[in-house]
Amino acid sequence: MKIAEKISQVLFVLIMLIIFSCGNQKKDHAKTDETDSVSKIEVSISGMTCTGCEQTIQKSVTKLEGVTTVRADYKAGKAIVGFNPELTDTAKIRTAITGSGYRVTGFSQAVPADSVK
């Protein structure tokens, strides 16, 4: 019985570590402070065919320093990116998207921070 109890305790600890480490990863994506200057830009993208494509783009662009939000929409063929222009720019956003296997076909003008949610 003692061996089974110890194995149960070890498994419990491992599961708790996995759960808590996954929760901490979400915090890493918030790379800028809420007081930072934030702009929003629409990126036209070709090559997206499904929600998996959306997730790939979102994951790739979110890794950039200064990016606060990313919402890709494969049906519309675009992504909306909130970012701090002091920390990143459209060239880096383009590189992240093209590095994921998609083609950037254009950018819209950035809009004021208060419109980014």
PDB file of N, CA and C in Angstrom:
ATOM      1  N   MET A   1       0.811  -1.195   0.000  1.00  0.00           N
ATOM      2  CA  MET A   1       0.000   0.000   0.000  1.00  0.00           C
ATOM      3  C   MET A   1       0.857   1.264   0.000  1.00  0.00           C
ATOM      4  N   LYS A   2       1.984   1.252   0.659  1.00  0.00           N
ATOM      5  CA  LYS A   2       2.802   2.459   0.747  1.00  0.00           C
ATOM      6  C   LYS A   2       3.325   2.871  -0.625  1.00  0.00           C
ATOM      7  N   ILE A   3       3.692   1.925  -1.453  1.00  0.00           N
ATOM      8  CA  ILE A   3       4.218   2.242  -2.789  1.00  0.00           C
ATOM      9  C   ILE A   3       3.120   2.870  -3.634  1.00  0.00           C
ATOM     10  N   ALA A   4       1.917   2.315  -3.558  1.00  0.00           N
ATOM     11  CA  ALA A   4       0.792   2.850  -4.335  1.00  0.00           C
ATOM     12  C   ALA A   4       0.460   4.268  -3.877  1.00  0.00           C
ATOM     13  N   GLU A   5       0.516   4.526  -2.592  1.00  0.00           N
ATOM     14  CA  GLU A   5       0.242   5.864  -2.066  1.00  0.00           C
ATOM     15  C   GLU A   5       1.296   6.859  -2.541  1.00  0.00           C
ATOM     16  N   LYS A   6       2.557   6.454  -2.535  1.00  0.00           N
ATOM     17  CA  LYS A   6       3.635   7.341  -2.976  1.00  0.00           C
ATOM     18  C   LYS A   6       3.507   7.644  -4.465  1.00  0.00           C
ATOM     19  N   ILE A   7       3.164   6.641  -5.250  1.00  0.00           N
ATOM     20  CA  ILE A   7       2.976   6.851  -6.690  1.00  0.00           C
ATOM     21  C   ILE A   7       1.823   7.819  -6.915  1.00  0.00           C
ATOM     22  N   SER A   8       0.746   7.672  -6.167  1.00  0.00           N
ATOM     23  CA  SER A   8      -0.395   8.580  -6.280  1.00  0.00           C
ATOM     24  C   SER A   8       0.007  10.011  -5.925  1.00  0.00           C
ATOM     25  N   GLN A   9       0.793  10.174  -4.886  1.00  0.00           N
ATOM     26  CA  GLN A   9       1.242  11.501  -4.480  1.00  0.00           C
ATOM     27  C   GLN A   9       2.130  12.132  -5.540  1.00  0.00           C
ATOM     28  N   VAL A  10       3.028  11.365  -6.112  1.00  0.00           N
ATOM     29  CA  VAL A  10       3.920  11.869  -7.152  1.00  0.00           C
ATOM     30  C   VAL A  10       3.116  12.277  -8.389  1.00  0.00           C
ATOM     31  N   LEU A  11       2.167  11.445  -8.784  1.00  0.00           N
ATOM     32  CA  LEU A  11       1.326  11.771  -9.935  1.00  0.00           C
ATOM     33  C   LEU A  11       0.514  13.036  -9.681  1.00  0.00           C
ATOM     34  N   PHE A  12      -0.008  13.182  -8.477  1.00  0.00           N
ATOM     35  CA  PHE A  12      -0.760  14.373  -8.126  1.00  0.00           C
ATOM     36  C   PHE A  12       0.110  15.623  -8.259  1.00  0.00           C
ATOM     37  N   VAL A  13       1.308  15.564  -7.739  1.00  0.00           N
ATOM     38  CA  VAL A  13       2.230  16.704  -7.815  1.00  0.00           C
ATOM     39  C   VAL A  13       2.560  17.024  -9.273  1.00  0.00           C
ATOM     40  N   LEU A  14       2.825  16.005 -10.084  1.00  0.00           N
ATOM     41  CA  LEU A  14       3.126  16.229 -11.503  1.00  0.00           C
ATOM     42  C   LEU A  14       1.952  16.869 -12.230  1.00  0.00           C
ATOM     43  N   ILE A  15       0.767  16.400 -11.963  1.00  0.00           N
ATOM     44  CA  ILE A  15      -0.422  16.976 -12.603  1.00  0.00           C
ATOM     45  C   ILE A  15      -0.594  18.431 -12.195  1.00  0.00           C
ATOM     46  N   MET A  16      -0.392  18.723 -10.937  1.00  0.00           N
ATOM     47  CA  MET A  16      -0.520  20.111 -10.459  1.00  0.00           C
ATOM     48  C   MET A  16       0.535  21.007 -11.107  1.00  0.00           C
ATOM     49  N   LEU A  17       1.748  20.513 -11.270  1.00  0.00           N
ATOM     50  CA  LEU A  17       2.792  21.299 -11.931  1.00  0.00           C
ATOM     51  C   LEU A  17       2.423  21.601 -13.373  1.00  0.00           C
ATOM     52  N   ILE A  18       1.885  20.616 -14.059  1.00  0.00           N
ATOM     53  CA  ILE A  18       1.480  20.816 -15.453  1.00  0.00           C
ATOM     54  C   ILE A  18       0.361  21.840 -15.530  1.00  0.00           C
ATOM     55  N   ILE A  19      -0.618  21.720 -14.674  1.00  0.00           N
ATOM     56  CA  ILE A  19      -1.744  22.648 -14.690  1.00  0.00           C
ATOM     57  C   ILE A  19      -1.272  24.072 -14.421  1.00  0.00           C
ATOM     58  N   PHE A  20      -0.457  24.262 -13.404  1.00  0.00           N
ATOM     59  CA  PHE A  20      -0.015  25.608 -13.068  1.00  0.00           C
ATOM     60  C   PHE A  20       0.964  26.170 -14.080  1.00  0.00           C
ATOM     61  N   SER A  21       1.771  25.339 -14.704  1.00  0.00           N
ATOM     62  CA  SER A  21       2.700  25.855 -15.714  1.00  0.00           C
ATOM     63  C   SER A  21       1.950  26.284 -16.961  1.00  0.00           C
ATOM     64  N   CYS A  22       0.870  25.613 -17.328  1.00  0.00           N
ATOM     65  CA  CYS A  22       0.060  26.021 -18.482  1.00  0.00           C
ATOM     66  C   CYS A  22      -0.599  27.369 -18.214  1.00  0.00           C
ATOM     67  N   GLY A  23      -1.055  27.601 -17.010  1.00  0.00           N
ATOM     68  CA  GLY A  23      -1.670  28.875 -16.659  1.00  0.00           C
ATOM     69  C   GLY A  23      -0.681  30.023 -16.733  1.00  0.00           C
ATOM     70  N   ASN A  24       0.579  29.772 -16.418  1.00  0.00           N
ATOM     71  CA  ASN A  24       1.594  30.818 -16.462  1.00  0.00           C
ATOM     72  C   ASN A  24       1.953  31.211 -17.877  1.00  0.00           C
ATOM     73  N   GLN A  25       1.777  30.328 -18.846  1.00  0.00           N
ATOM     74  CA  GLN A  25       2.105  30.648 -20.232  1.00  0.00           C
ATOM     75  C   GLN A  25       1.226  31.766 -20.759  1.00  0.00           C
ATOM     76  N   LYS A  26      -0.012  31.846 -20.321  1.00  0.00           N
ATOM     77  CA  LYS A  26      -0.905  32.903 -20.775  1.00  0.00           C
ATOM     78  C   LYS A  26      -0.380  34.271 -20.357  1.00  0.00           C
ATOM     79  N   LYS A  27       0.238  34.358 -19.206  1.00  0.00           N
ATOM     80  CA  LYS A  27       0.767  35.622 -18.730  1.00  0.00           C
ATOM     81  C   LYS A  27       1.908  36.120 -19.601  1.00  0.00           C
ATOM     82  N   ASP A  28       2.666  35.215 -20.212  1.00  0.00           N
ATOM     83  CA  ASP A  28       3.783  35.601 -21.063  1.00  0.00           C
ATOM     84  C   ASP A  28       3.330  36.374 -22.295  1.00  0.00           C
ATOM     85  N   HIS A  29       2.084  36.170 -22.737  1.00  0.00           N
ATOM     86  CA  HIS A  29       1.596  36.829 -23.937  1.00  0.00           C
ATOM     87  C   HIS A  29       1.275  38.300 -23.695  1.00  0.00           C
ATOM     88  N   ALA A  30       1.086  38.690 -22.450  1.00  0.00           N
ATOM     89  CA  ALA A  30       0.827  40.091 -22.130  1.00  0.00           C
ATOM     90  C   ALA A  30       2.167  40.788 -21.966  1.00  0.00           C
ATOM     91  N   LYS A  31       2.748  41.206 -23.073  1.00  0.00           N
ATOM     92  CA  LYS A  31       4.112  41.714 -23.057  1.00  0.00           C
ATOM     93  C   LYS A  31       4.207  43.210 -22.853  1.00  0.00           C
ATOM     94  N   THR A  32       3.086  43.894 -22.916  1.00  0.00           N
ATOM     95  CA  THR A  32       3.121  45.338 -22.729  1.00  0.00           C
ATOM     96  C   THR A  32       2.193  45.729 -21.602  1.00  0.00           C
ATOM     97  N   ASP A  33       2.484  46.817 -20.972  1.00  0.00           N
ATOM     98  CA  ASP A  33       1.689  47.365 -19.909  1.00  0.00           C
ATOM     99  C   ASP A  33       0.479  48.062 -20.500  1.00  0.00           C
ATOM    100  N   GLU A  34      -0.641  48.115 -19.767  1.00  0.00           N
ATOM    101  CA  GLU A  34      -1.840  48.759 -20.278  1.00  0.00           C
ATOM    102  C   GLU A  34      -1.636  50.245 -20.542  1.00  0.00           C
ATOM    103  N   THR A  35      -0.648  50.843 -19.932  1.00  0.00           N
ATOM    104  CA  THR A  35      -0.408  52.266 -20.136  1.00  0.00           C
ATOM    105  C   THR A  35       0.417  52.540 -21.385  1.00  0.00           C
ATOM    106  N   ASP A  36       0.939  51.497 -22.026  1.00  0.00           N
ATOM    107  CA  ASP A  36       1.723  51.669 -23.243  1.00  0.00           C
ATOM    108  C   ASP A  36       0.839  52.162 -24.378  1.00  0.00           C
ATOM    109  N   SER A  37       1.450  52.829 -25.333  1.00  0.00           N
ATOM    110  CA  SER A  37       0.760  53.292 -26.523  1.00  0.00           C
ATOM    111  C   SER A  37       0.416  52.092 -27.396  1.00  0.00           C
ATOM    112  N   VAL A  38      -0.858  51.950 -27.756  1.00  0.00           N
ATOM    113  CA  VAL A  38      -1.286  50.817 -28.563  1.00  0.00           C
ATOM    114  C   VAL A  38      -1.965  51.317 -29.827  1.00  0.00           C
ATOM    115  N   SER A  39      -1.592  50.725 -30.955  1.00  0.00           N
ATOM    116  CA  SER A  39      -2.234  50.992 -32.236  1.00  0.00           C
ATOM    117  C   SER A  39      -2.897  49.719 -32.709  1.00  0.00           C
ATOM    118  N   LYS A  40      -3.809  49.854 -33.642  1.00  0.00           N
ATOM    119  CA  LYS A  40      -4.488  48.693 -34.199  1.00  0.00           C
ATOM    120  C   LYS A  40      -4.363  48.766 -35.715  1.00  0.00           C
ATOM    121  N   ILE A  41      -4.089  47.626 -36.329  1.00  0.00           N
ATOM    122  CA  ILE A  41      -3.920  47.586 -37.768  1.00  0.00           C
ATOM    123  C   ILE A  41      -4.633  46.347 -38.322  1.00  0.00           C
ATOM    124  N   GLU A  42      -5.169  46.484 -39.526  1.00  0.00           N
ATOM    125  CA  GLU A  42      -5.786  45.352 -40.202  1.00  0.00           C
ATOM    126  C   GLU A  42      -4.801  44.838 -41.244  1.00  0.00           C
ATOM    127  N   VAL A  43      -4.561  43.536 -41.211  1.00  0.00           N
ATOM    128  CA  VAL A  43      -3.620  42.910 -42.133  1.00  0.00           C
ATOM    129  C   VAL A  43      -4.407  42.000 -43.076  1.00  0.00           C
ATOM    130  N   SER A  44      -4.312  42.238 -44.380  1.00  0.00           N
ATOM    131  CA  SER A  44      -4.935  41.353 -45.364  1.00  0.00           C
ATOM    132  C   SER A  44      -3.985  40.187 -45.621  1.00  0.00           C
ATOM    133  N   ILE A  45      -4.527  38.962 -45.552  1.00  0.00           N
ATOM    134  CA  ILE A  45      -3.697  37.758 -45.633  1.00  0.00           C
ATOM    135  C   ILE A  45      -4.320  36.778 -46.616  1.00  0.00           C
ATOM    136  N   SER A  46      -3.506  36.211 -47.490  1.00  0.00           N
ATOM    137  CA  SER A  46      -4.001  35.149 -48.374  1.00  0.00           C
ATOM    138  C   SER A  46      -3.397  33.822 -47.942  1.00  0.00           C
ATOM    139  N   GLY A  47      -4.155  32.766 -48.196  1.00  0.00           N
ATOM    140  CA  GLY A  47      -3.668  31.428 -47.877  1.00  0.00           C
ATOM    141  C   GLY A  47      -4.325  30.779 -46.678  1.00  0.00           C
ATOM    142  N   MET A  48      -5.130  31.519 -45.915  1.00  0.00           N
ATOM    143  CA  MET A  48      -5.823  30.923 -44.772  1.00  0.00           C
ATOM    144  C   MET A  48      -7.043  30.154 -45.277  1.00  0.00           C
ATOM    145  N   THR A  49      -7.217  28.929 -44.795  1.00  0.00           N
ATOM    146  CA  THR A  49      -8.342  28.102 -45.243  1.00  0.00           C
ATOM    147  C   THR A  49      -9.196  27.535 -44.109  1.00  0.00           C
ATOM    148  N   CYS A  50      -8.750  27.728 -42.849  1.00  0.00           N
ATOM    149  CA  CYS A  50      -9.489  27.123 -41.737  1.00  0.00           C
ATOM    150  C   CYS A  50      -9.125  27.812 -40.415  1.00  0.00           C
ATOM    151  N   THR A  51      -9.786  27.387 -39.349  1.00  0.00           N
ATOM    152  CA  THR A  51      -9.497  27.958 -38.034  1.00  0.00           C
ATOM    153  C   THR A  51      -8.091  27.606 -37.556  1.00  0.00           C
ATOM    154  N   GLY A  52      -7.567  26.487 -38.049  1.00  0.00           N
ATOM    155  CA  GLY A  52      -6.178  26.137 -37.708  1.00  0.00           C
ATOM    156  C   GLY A  52      -5.212  27.182 -38.244  1.00  0.00           C
ATOM    157  N   CYS A  53      -5.510  27.708 -39.426  1.00  0.00           N
ATOM    158  CA  CYS A  53      -4.686  28.778 -40.009  1.00  0.00           C
ATOM    159  C   CYS A  53      -4.764  30.023 -39.126  1.00  0.00           C
ATOM    160  N   GLU A  54      -5.965  30.344 -38.665  1.00  0.00           N
ATOM    161  CA  GLU A  54      -6.149  31.492 -37.768  1.00  0.00           C
ATOM    162  C   GLU A  54      -5.276  31.332 -36.525  1.00  0.00           C
ATOM    163  N   GLN A  55      -5.326  30.155 -35.935  1.00  0.00           N
ATOM    164  CA  GLN A  55      -4.559  29.895 -34.716  1.00  0.00           C
ATOM    165  C   GLN A  55      -3.059  29.976 -34.956  1.00  0.00           C
ATOM    166  N   THR A  56      -2.615  29.484 -36.096  1.00  0.00           N
ATOM    167  CA  THR A  56      -1.191  29.538 -36.432  1.00  0.00           C
ATOM    168  C   THR A  56      -0.725  30.987 -36.519  1.00  0.00           C
ATOM    169  N   ILE A  57      -1.483  31.818 -37.196  1.00  0.00           N
ATOM    170  CA  ILE A  57      -1.125  33.232 -37.343  1.00  0.00           C
ATOM    171  C   ILE A  57      -1.170  33.934 -35.990  1.00  0.00           C
ATOM    172  N   GLN A  58      -2.213  33.694 -35.228  1.00  0.00           N
ATOM    173  CA  GLN A  58      -2.341  34.332 -33.916  1.00  0.00           C
ATOM    174  C   GLN A  58      -1.170  33.964 -33.007  1.00  0.00           C
ATOM    175  N   LYS A  59      -0.806  32.703 -33.003  1.00  0.00           N
ATOM    176  CA  LYS A  59       0.300  32.242 -32.161  1.00  0.00           C
ATOM    177  C   LYS A  59       1.620  32.888 -32.592  1.00  0.00           C
ATOM    178  N   SER A  60       1.851  32.949 -33.880  1.00  0.00           N
ATOM    179  CA  SER A  60       3.088  33.499 -34.412  1.00  0.00           C
ATOM    180  C   SER A  60       3.216  34.996 -34.125  1.00  0.00           C
ATOM    181  N   VAL A  61       2.166  35.747 -34.373  1.00  0.00           N
ATOM    182  CA  VAL A  61       2.211  37.199 -34.197  1.00  0.00           C
ATOM    183  C   VAL A  61       2.234  37.567 -32.715  1.00  0.00           C
ATOM    184  N   THR A  62       1.545  36.802 -31.884  1.00  0.00           N
ATOM    185  CA  THR A  62       1.514  37.073 -30.443  1.00  0.00           C
ATOM    186  C   THR A  62       2.902  36.985 -29.814  1.00  0.00           C
ATOM    187  N   LYS A  63       3.794  36.208 -30.414  1.00  0.00           N
ATOM    188  CA  LYS A  63       5.154  36.067 -29.881  1.00  0.00           C
ATOM    189  C   LYS A  63       5.981  37.349 -30.014  1.00  0.00           C
ATOM    190  N   LEU A  64       5.560  38.263 -30.882  1.00  0.00           N
ATOM    191  CA  LEU A  64       6.325  39.493 -31.088  1.00  0.00           C
ATOM    192  C   LEU A  64       6.221  40.408 -29.877  1.00  0.00           C
ATOM    193  N   GLU A  65       7.335  40.985 -29.498  1.00  0.00           N
ATOM    194  CA  GLU A  65       7.325  41.943 -28.405  1.00  0.00           C
ATOM    195  C   GLU A  65       6.480  43.141 -28.813  1.00  0.00           C
ATOM    196  N   GLY A  66       5.595  43.574 -27.926  1.00  0.00           N
ATOM    197  CA  GLY A  66       4.763  44.732 -28.198  1.00  0.00           C
ATOM    198  C   GLY A  66       3.384  44.412 -28.739  1.00  0.00           C
ATOM    199  N   VAL A  67       3.147  43.172 -29.151  1.00  0.00           N
ATOM    200  CA  VAL A  67       1.827  42.795 -29.649  1.00  0.00           C
ATOM    201  C   VAL A  67       0.916  42.522 -28.460  1.00  0.00           C
ATOM    202  N   THR A  68      -0.249  43.174 -28.454  1.00  0.00           N
ATOM    203  CA  THR A  68      -1.184  43.032 -27.334  1.00  0.00           C
ATOM    204  C   THR A  68      -2.381  42.166 -27.676  1.00  0.00           C
ATOM    205  N   THR A  69      -2.842  42.222 -28.933  1.00  0.00           N
ATOM    206  CA  THR A  69      -3.974  41.401 -29.359  1.00  0.00           C
ATOM    207  C   THR A  69      -3.789  40.974 -30.811  1.00  0.00           C
ATOM    208  N   VAL A  70      -4.310  39.794 -31.131  1.00  0.00           N
ATOM    209  CA  VAL A  70      -4.321  39.314 -32.518  1.00  0.00           C
ATOM    210  C   VAL A  70      -5.612  38.537 -32.711  1.00  0.00           C
ATOM    211  N   ARG A  71      -6.379  38.912 -33.727  1.00  0.00           N
ATOM    212  CA  ARG A  71      -7.569  38.159 -34.088  1.00  0.00           C
ATOM    213  C   ARG A  71      -7.549  37.921 -35.591  1.00  0.00           C
ATOM    214  N   ALA A  72      -7.322  36.688 -35.989  1.00  0.00           N
ATOM    215  CA  ALA A  72      -7.310  36.333 -37.411  1.00  0.00           C
ATOM    216  C   ALA A  72      -8.672  35.760 -37.791  1.00  0.00           C
ATOM    217  N   ASP A  73      -9.076  36.002 -39.036  1.00  0.00           N
ATOM    218  CA  ASP A  73     -10.355  35.520 -39.549  1.00  0.00           C
ATOM    219  C   ASP A  73     -10.119  34.968 -40.949  1.00  0.00           C
ATOM    220  N   TYR A  74     -10.132  33.648 -41.081  1.00  0.00           N
ATOM    221  CA  TYR A  74      -9.813  33.046 -42.382  1.00  0.00           C
ATOM    222  C   TYR A  74     -10.875  33.349 -43.431  1.00  0.00           C
ATOM    223  N   LYS A  75     -12.142  33.462 -43.019  1.00  0.00           N
ATOM    224  CA  LYS A  75     -13.213  33.750 -43.981  1.00  0.00           C
ATOM    225  C   LYS A  75     -13.054  35.144 -44.579  1.00  0.00           C
ATOM    226  N   ALA A  76     -12.655  36.091 -43.744  1.00  0.00           N
ATOM    227  CA  ALA A  76     -12.466  37.469 -44.215  1.00  0.00           C
ATOM    228  C   ALA A  76     -11.096  37.664 -44.839  1.00  0.00           C
ATOM    229  N   GLY A  77     -10.174  36.745 -44.584  1.00  0.00           N
ATOM    230  CA  GLY A  77      -8.818  36.867 -45.117  1.00  0.00           C
ATOM    231  C   GLY A  77      -8.045  38.002 -44.491  1.00  0.00           C
ATOM    232  N   LYS A  78      -8.231  38.179 -43.171  1.00  0.00           N
ATOM    233  CA  LYS A  78      -7.533  39.275 -42.504  1.00  0.00           C
ATOM    234  C   LYS A  78      -7.269  38.956 -41.037  1.00  0.00           C
ATOM    235  N   ALA A  79      -6.429  39.784 -40.450  1.00  0.00           N
ATOM    236  CA  ALA A  79      -6.160  39.721 -39.012  1.00  0.00           C
ATOM    237  C   ALA A  79      -6.150  41.143 -38.491  1.00  0.00           C
ATOM    238  N   ILE A  80      -6.648  41.334 -37.294  1.00  0.00           N
ATOM    239  CA  ILE A  80      -6.583  42.622 -36.611  1.00  0.00           C
ATOM    240  C   ILE A  80      -5.521  42.472 -35.532  1.00  0.00           C
ATOM    241  N   VAL A  81      -4.519  43.355 -35.550  1.00  0.00           N
ATOM    242  CA  VAL A  81      -3.401  43.262 -34.618  1.00  0.00           C
ATOM    243  C   VAL A  81      -3.325  44.549 -33.798  1.00  0.00           C
ATOM    244  N   GLY A  82      -3.361  44.409 -32.488  1.00  0.00           N
ATOM    245  CA  GLY A  82      -3.109  45.516 -31.567  1.00  0.00           C
ATOM    246  C   GLY A  82      -1.659  45.437 -31.137  1.00  0.00           C
ATOM    247  N   PHE A  83      -0.943  46.556 -31.223  1.00  0.00           N
ATOM    248  CA  PHE A  83       0.485  46.516 -30.906  1.00  0.00           C
ATOM    249  C   PHE A  83       0.991  47.874 -30.455  1.00  0.00           C
ATOM    250  N   ASN A  84       2.109  47.849 -29.767  1.00  0.00           N
ATOM    251  CA  ASN A  84       2.795  49.061 -29.342  1.00  0.00           C
ATOM    252  C   ASN A  84       3.816  49.402 -30.428  1.00  0.00           C
ATOM    253  N   PRO A  85       3.628  50.516 -31.159  1.00  0.00           N
ATOM    254  CA  PRO A  85       4.537  50.843 -32.254  1.00  0.00           C
ATOM    255  C   PRO A  85       5.955  51.201 -31.804  1.00  0.00           C
ATOM    256  N   GLU A  86       6.147  51.398 -30.509  1.00  0.00           N
ATOM    257  CA  GLU A  86       7.491  51.647 -29.997  1.00  0.00           C
ATOM    258  C   GLU A  86       8.275  50.341 -29.850  1.00  0.00           C
ATOM    259  N   LEU A  87       7.557  49.200 -29.853  1.00  0.00           N
ATOM    260  CA  LEU A  87       8.202  47.906 -29.639  1.00  0.00           C
ATOM    261  C   LEU A  87       8.195  47.006 -30.867  1.00  0.00           C
ATOM    262  N   THR A  88       7.273  47.228 -31.785  1.00  0.00           N
ATOM    263  CA  THR A  88       7.220  46.422 -33.007  1.00  0.00           C
ATOM    264  C   THR A  88       6.660  47.258 -34.143  1.00  0.00           C
ATOM    265  N   ASP A  89       6.710  46.711 -35.356  1.00  0.00           N
ATOM    266  CA  ASP A  89       6.212  47.443 -36.518  1.00  0.00           C
ATOM    267  C   ASP A  89       5.613  46.481 -37.527  1.00  0.00           C
ATOM    268  N   THR A  90       5.077  47.035 -38.613  1.00  0.00           N
ATOM    269  CA  THR A  90       4.414  46.196 -39.614  1.00  0.00           C
ATOM    270  C   THR A  90       5.379  45.237 -40.306  1.00  0.00           C
ATOM    271  N   ALA A  91       6.629  45.611 -40.424  1.00  0.00           N
ATOM    272  CA  ALA A  91       7.606  44.709 -41.057  1.00  0.00           C
ATOM    273  C   ALA A  91       7.770  43.433 -40.223  1.00  0.00           C
ATOM    274  N   LYS A  92       7.815  43.568 -38.909  1.00  0.00           N
ATOM    275  CA  LYS A  92       7.951  42.399 -38.036  1.00  0.00           C
ATOM    276  C   LYS A  92       6.671  41.558 -38.057  1.00  0.00           C
ATOM    277  N   ILE A  93       5.535  42.237 -38.118  1.00  0.00           N
ATOM    278  CA  ILE A  93       4.258  41.520 -38.192  1.00  0.00           C
ATOM    279  C   ILE A  93       4.194  40.742 -39.505  1.00  0.00           C
ATOM    280  N   ARG A  94       4.582  41.384 -40.606  1.00  0.00           N
ATOM    281  CA  ARG A  94       4.607  40.720 -41.912  1.00  0.00           C
ATOM    282  C   ARG A  94       5.530  39.496 -41.867  1.00  0.00           C
ATOM    283  N   THR A  95       6.707  39.638 -41.296  1.00  0.00           N
ATOM    284  CA  THR A  95       7.674  38.539 -41.221  1.00  0.00           C
ATOM    285  C   THR A  95       7.111  37.369 -40.411  1.00  0.00           C
ATOM    286  N   ALA A  96       6.428  37.661 -39.316  1.00  0.00           N
ATOM    287  CA  ALA A  96       5.845  36.598 -38.491  1.00  0.00           C
ATOM    288  C   ALA A  96       4.783  35.828 -39.278  1.00  0.00           C
ATOM    289  N   ILE A  97       3.971  36.552 -40.047  1.00  0.00           N
ATOM    290  CA  ILE A  97       2.902  35.905 -40.812  1.00  0.00           C
ATOM    291  C   ILE A  97       3.474  35.112 -41.983  1.00  0.00           C
ATOM    292  N   THR A  98       4.385  35.705 -42.723  1.00  0.00           N
ATOM    293  CA  THR A  98       4.959  34.988 -43.869  1.00  0.00           C
ATOM    294  C   THR A  98       5.811  33.811 -43.403  1.00  0.00           C
ATOM    295  N   GLY A  99       6.424  33.946 -42.247  1.00  0.00           N
ATOM    296  CA  GLY A  99       7.197  32.838 -41.682  1.00  0.00           C
ATOM    297  C   GLY A  99       6.318  31.659 -41.290  1.00  0.00           C
ATOM    298  N   SER A 100       5.024  31.915 -41.125  1.00  0.00           N
ATOM    299  CA  SER A 100       4.072  30.853 -40.800  1.00  0.00           C
ATOM    300  C   SER A 100       3.478  30.208 -42.052  1.00  0.00           C
ATOM    301  N   GLY A 101       3.873  30.720 -43.223  1.00  0.00           N
ATOM    302  CA  GLY A 101       3.420  30.105 -44.466  1.00  0.00           C
ATOM    303  C   GLY A 101       2.289  30.823 -45.182  1.00  0.00           C
ATOM    304  N   TYR A 102       1.987  32.053 -44.786  1.00  0.00           N
ATOM    305  CA  TYR A 102       0.902  32.805 -45.399  1.00  0.00           C
ATOM    306  C   TYR A 102       1.461  34.048 -46.077  1.00  0.00           C
ATOM    307  N   ARG A 103       0.649  34.691 -46.904  1.00  0.00           N
ATOM    308  CA  ARG A 103       1.113  35.862 -47.640  1.00  0.00           C
ATOM    309  C   ARG A 103       0.352  37.096 -47.199  1.00  0.00           C
ATOM    310  N   VAL A 104       1.077  38.133 -46.824  1.00  0.00           N
ATOM    311  CA  VAL A 104       0.467  39.410 -46.460  1.00  0.00           C
ATOM    312  C   VAL A 104       0.254  40.184 -47.753  1.00  0.00           C
ATOM    313  N   THR A 105      -0.996  40.586 -48.005  1.00  0.00           N
ATOM    314  CA  THR A 105      -1.310  41.308 -49.235  1.00  0.00           C
ATOM    315  C   THR A 105      -1.554  42.791 -48.993  1.00  0.00           C
ATOM    316  N   GLY A 106      -1.586  43.209 -47.723  1.00  0.00           N
ATOM    317  CA  GLY A 106      -1.753  44.632 -47.434  1.00  0.00           C
ATOM    318  C   GLY A 106      -1.996  44.919 -45.974  1.00  0.00           C
ATOM    319  N   PHE A 107      -1.860  46.203 -45.631  1.00  0.00           N
ATOM    320  CA  PHE A 107      -2.119  46.704 -44.287  1.00  0.00           C
ATOM    321  C   PHE A 107      -3.064  47.890 -44.379  1.00  0.00           C
ATOM    322  N   SER A 108      -3.902  48.062 -43.366  1.00  0.00           N
ATOM    323  CA  SER A 108      -4.725  49.273 -43.291  1.00  0.00           C
ATOM    324  C   SER A 108      -4.011  50.268 -42.389  1.00  0.00           C
ATOM    325  N   GLN A 109      -4.530  51.451 -42.296  1.00  0.00           N
ATOM    326  CA  GLN A 109      -3.985  52.474 -41.387  1.00  0.00           C
ATOM    327  C   GLN A 109      -4.209  52.040 -39.947  1.00  0.00           C
ATOM    328  N   ALA A 110      -3.248  52.371 -39.083  1.00  0.00           N
ATOM    329  CA  ALA A 110      -3.419  52.114 -37.647  1.00  0.00           C
ATOM    330  C   ALA A 110      -4.480  53.057 -37.120  1.00  0.00           C
ATOM    331  N   VAL A 111      -5.212  52.622 -36.108  1.00  0.00           N
ATOM    332  CA  VAL A 111      -6.256  53.441 -35.504  1.00  0.00           C
ATOM    333  C   VAL A 111      -5.926  53.701 -34.048  1.00  0.00           C
ATOM    334  N   PRO A 112      -6.575  54.681 -33.405  1.00  0.00           N
ATOM    335  CA  PRO A 112      -6.249  55.037 -32.018  1.00  0.00           C
ATOM    336  C   PRO A 112      -6.407  53.879 -31.042  1.00  0.00           C
ATOM    337  N   ALA A 113      -5.650  53.942 -29.959  1.00  0.00           N
ATOM    338  CA  ALA A 113      -5.603  52.870 -28.963  1.00  0.00           C
ATOM    339  C   ALA A 113      -6.958  52.618 -28.312  1.00  0.00           C
ATOM    340  N   ASP A 114      -7.794  53.638 -28.138  1.00  0.00           N
ATOM    341  CA  ASP A 114      -9.052  53.437 -27.434  1.00  0.00           C
ATOM    342  C   ASP A 114     -10.039  52.574 -28.214  1.00  0.00           C
ATOM    343  N   SER A 115      -9.753  52.283 -29.481  1.00  0.00           N
ATOM    344  CA  SER A 115     -10.618  51.406 -30.249  1.00  0.00           C
ATOM    345  C   SER A 115     -10.175  49.950 -30.166  1.00  0.00           C
ATOM    346  N   VAL A 116      -9.013  49.666 -29.564  1.00  0.00           N
ATOM    347  CA  VAL A 116      -8.518  48.301 -29.411  1.00  0.00           C
ATOM    348  C   VAL A 116      -9.111  47.725 -28.150  1.00  0.00           C
ATOM    349  N   LYS A 117      -9.738  46.552 -28.266  1.00  0.00           N
ATOM    350  CA  LYS A 117     -10.337  45.914 -27.083  1.00  0.00           C
ATOM    351  C   LYS A 117      -9.733  44.575 -26.842  1.00  0.00           C
TER     352      LYS A 117
END
